[in-house]
Amino acid sequence: MTKQAKKEYQARMDAIHSESLRIRNTGKCPVCGAGLRDNLSLAGWVQCEQYGSAGFRKDSSKASCEFQCFTA
């Protein structure tokens, strides 16, 4: 990987990380508006409260949402 490619890669990763942190700080899912929760399996893994199948979502009567991001 060239130096320029490394710089471009790092810039993209920094932008993704900044956006993930911004979303995390709002406390709201950008897709459906539900709250966010930490997935305790891995530090920095954030998911919509409506992520997953019925029984795992905060409110199983509402539609599921697939939003998740990584902030660490």
C-alpha atoms as a PDB file:
ATOM      1  CA  MET A   1       0.000   0.000   0.000  1.00  0.00           C
ATOM      2  CA  THR A   2       1.432   3.385  -0.989  1.00  0.00           C
ATOM      3  CA  LYS A   3       1.726   6.290   1.408  1.00  0.00           C
ATOM      4  CA  GLN A   4      -1.041   8.110  -0.454  1.00  0.00           C
ATOM      5  CA  ALA A   5      -3.324   5.093  -0.248  1.00  0.00           C
ATOM      6  CA  LYS A   6      -2.636   4.812   3.489  1.00  0.00           C
ATOM      7  CA  LYS A   7      -3.490   8.503   3.976  1.00  0.00           C
ATOM      8  CA  GLU A   8      -6.735   8.093   2.027  1.00  0.00           C
ATOM      9  CA  TYR A   9      -7.637   4.975   3.971  1.00  0.00           C
ATOM     10  CA  GLN A  10      -6.985   6.700   7.294  1.00  0.00           C
ATOM     11  CA  ALA A  11      -9.066   9.702   6.250  1.00  0.00           C
ATOM     12  CA  ARG A  12     -12.001   7.408   5.354  1.00  0.00           C
ATOM     13  CA  MET A  13     -11.699   5.523   8.638  1.00  0.00           C
ATOM     14  CA  ASP A  14     -11.540   8.774  10.622  1.00  0.00           C
ATOM     15  CA  ALA A  15     -14.700  10.007   8.891  1.00  0.00           C
ATOM     16  CA  ILE A  16     -16.532   6.745   9.616  1.00  0.00           C
ATOM     17  CA  HIS A  17     -15.421   6.811  13.251  1.00  0.00           C
ATOM     18  CA  SER A  18     -16.476  10.449  13.688  1.00  0.00           C
ATOM     19  CA  GLU A  19     -19.903   9.741  12.200  1.00  0.00           C
ATOM     20  CA  SER A  20     -20.370   6.690  14.427  1.00  0.00           C
ATOM     21  CA  LEU A  21     -19.471   8.710  17.517  1.00  0.00           C
ATOM     22  CA  ARG A  22     -21.851  11.486  16.467  1.00  0.00           C
ATOM     23  CA  ILE A  23     -24.672   8.974  16.090  1.00  0.00           C
ATOM     24  CA  ARG A  24     -23.807   7.335  19.428  1.00  0.00           C
ATOM     25  CA  ASN A  25     -23.898  10.714  21.167  1.00  0.00           C
ATOM     26  CA  THR A  26     -27.417  11.435  19.876  1.00  0.00           C
ATOM     27  CA  GLY A  27     -28.711   8.263  21.525  1.00  0.00           C
ATOM     28  CA  LYS A  28     -31.152   7.745  18.654  1.00  0.00           C
ATOM     29  CA  CYS A  29     -31.051   5.366  15.702  1.00  0.00           C
ATOM     30  CA  PRO A  30     -30.604   7.313  12.453  1.00  0.00           C
ATOM     31  CA  VAL A  31     -32.746   4.762  10.580  1.00  0.00           C
ATOM     32  CA  CYS A  32     -35.867   4.338  12.745  1.00  0.00           C
ATOM     33  CA  GLY A  33     -35.501   6.805  15.634  1.00  0.00           C
ATOM     34  CA  ALA A  34     -35.480   4.193  18.412  1.00  0.00           C
ATOM     35  CA  GLY A  35     -32.883   4.326  21.155  1.00  0.00           C
ATOM     36  CA  LEU A  36     -29.412   2.826  20.931  1.00  0.00           C
ATOM     37  CA  ARG A  37     -27.849   0.190  23.150  1.00  0.00           C
ATOM     38  CA  ASP A  38     -24.372  -1.179  23.646  1.00  0.00           C
ATOM     39  CA  ASN A  39     -23.818  -4.770  22.593  1.00  0.00           C
ATOM     40  CA  LEU A  40     -21.765  -6.076  25.491  1.00  0.00           C
ATOM     41  CA  SER A  41     -20.094  -8.741  23.341  1.00  0.00           C
ATOM     42  CA  LEU A  42     -17.549  -6.237  22.043  1.00  0.00           C
ATOM     43  CA  ALA A  43     -16.538  -2.835  23.400  1.00  0.00           C
ATOM     44  CA  GLY A  44     -17.725  -0.036  21.130  1.00  0.00           C
ATOM     45  CA  TRP A  45     -20.393  -2.052  19.317  1.00  0.00           C
ATOM     46  CA  VAL A  46     -23.644  -0.062  19.260  1.00  0.00           C
ATOM     47  CA  GLN A  47     -26.998  -1.310  17.967  1.00  0.00           C
ATOM     48  CA  CYS A  48     -30.521  -0.013  17.574  1.00  0.00           C
ATOM     49  CA  GLU A  49     -32.796  -1.196  20.402  1.00  0.00           C
ATOM     50  CA  GLN A  50     -34.996  -2.700  17.682  1.00  0.00           C
ATOM     51  CA  TYR A  51     -32.139  -4.795  16.250  1.00  0.00           C
ATOM     52  CA  GLY A  52     -32.665  -8.543  16.138  1.00  0.00           C
ATOM     53  CA  SER A  53     -35.520 -10.992  16.190  1.00  0.00           C
ATOM     54  CA  ALA A  54     -38.647 -10.802  18.358  1.00  0.00           C
ATOM     55  CA  GLY A  55     -37.762 -11.340  21.982  1.00  0.00           C
ATOM     56  CA  PHE A  56     -34.440  -9.538  21.637  1.00  0.00           C
ATOM     57  CA  ARG A  57     -35.824  -6.160  20.544  1.00  0.00           C
ATOM     58  CA  LYS A  58     -36.911  -3.606  23.123  1.00  0.00           C
ATOM     59  CA  ASP A  59     -40.451  -3.634  21.709  1.00  0.00           C
ATOM     60  CA  SER A  60     -41.249  -6.804  19.770  1.00  0.00           C
ATOM     61  CA  SER A  61     -44.533  -5.316  18.561  1.00  0.00           C
ATOM     62  CA  LYS A  62     -42.576  -2.844  16.405  1.00  0.00           C
ATOM     63  CA  ALA A  63     -40.580  -3.586  13.266  1.00  0.00           C
ATOM     64  CA  SER A  64     -36.982  -4.692  13.536  1.00  0.00           C
ATOM     65  CA  CYS A  65     -34.131  -2.379  12.512  1.00  0.00           C
ATOM     66  CA  GLU A  66     -30.735  -3.489  11.282  1.00  0.00           C
ATOM     67  CA  PHE A  67     -28.699  -0.418  12.300  1.00  0.00           C
ATOM     68  CA  GLN A  68     -25.432  -1.022  14.093  1.00  0.00           C
ATOM     69  CA  CYS A  69     -22.080   0.711  14.208  1.00  0.00           C
ATOM     70  CA  PHE A  70     -18.705   0.464  15.872  1.00  0.00           C
ATOM     71  CA  THR A  71     -17.357   3.413  17.863  1.00  0.00           C
ATOM     72  CA  ALA A  72     -14.112   2.170  19.391  1.00  0.00           C
END
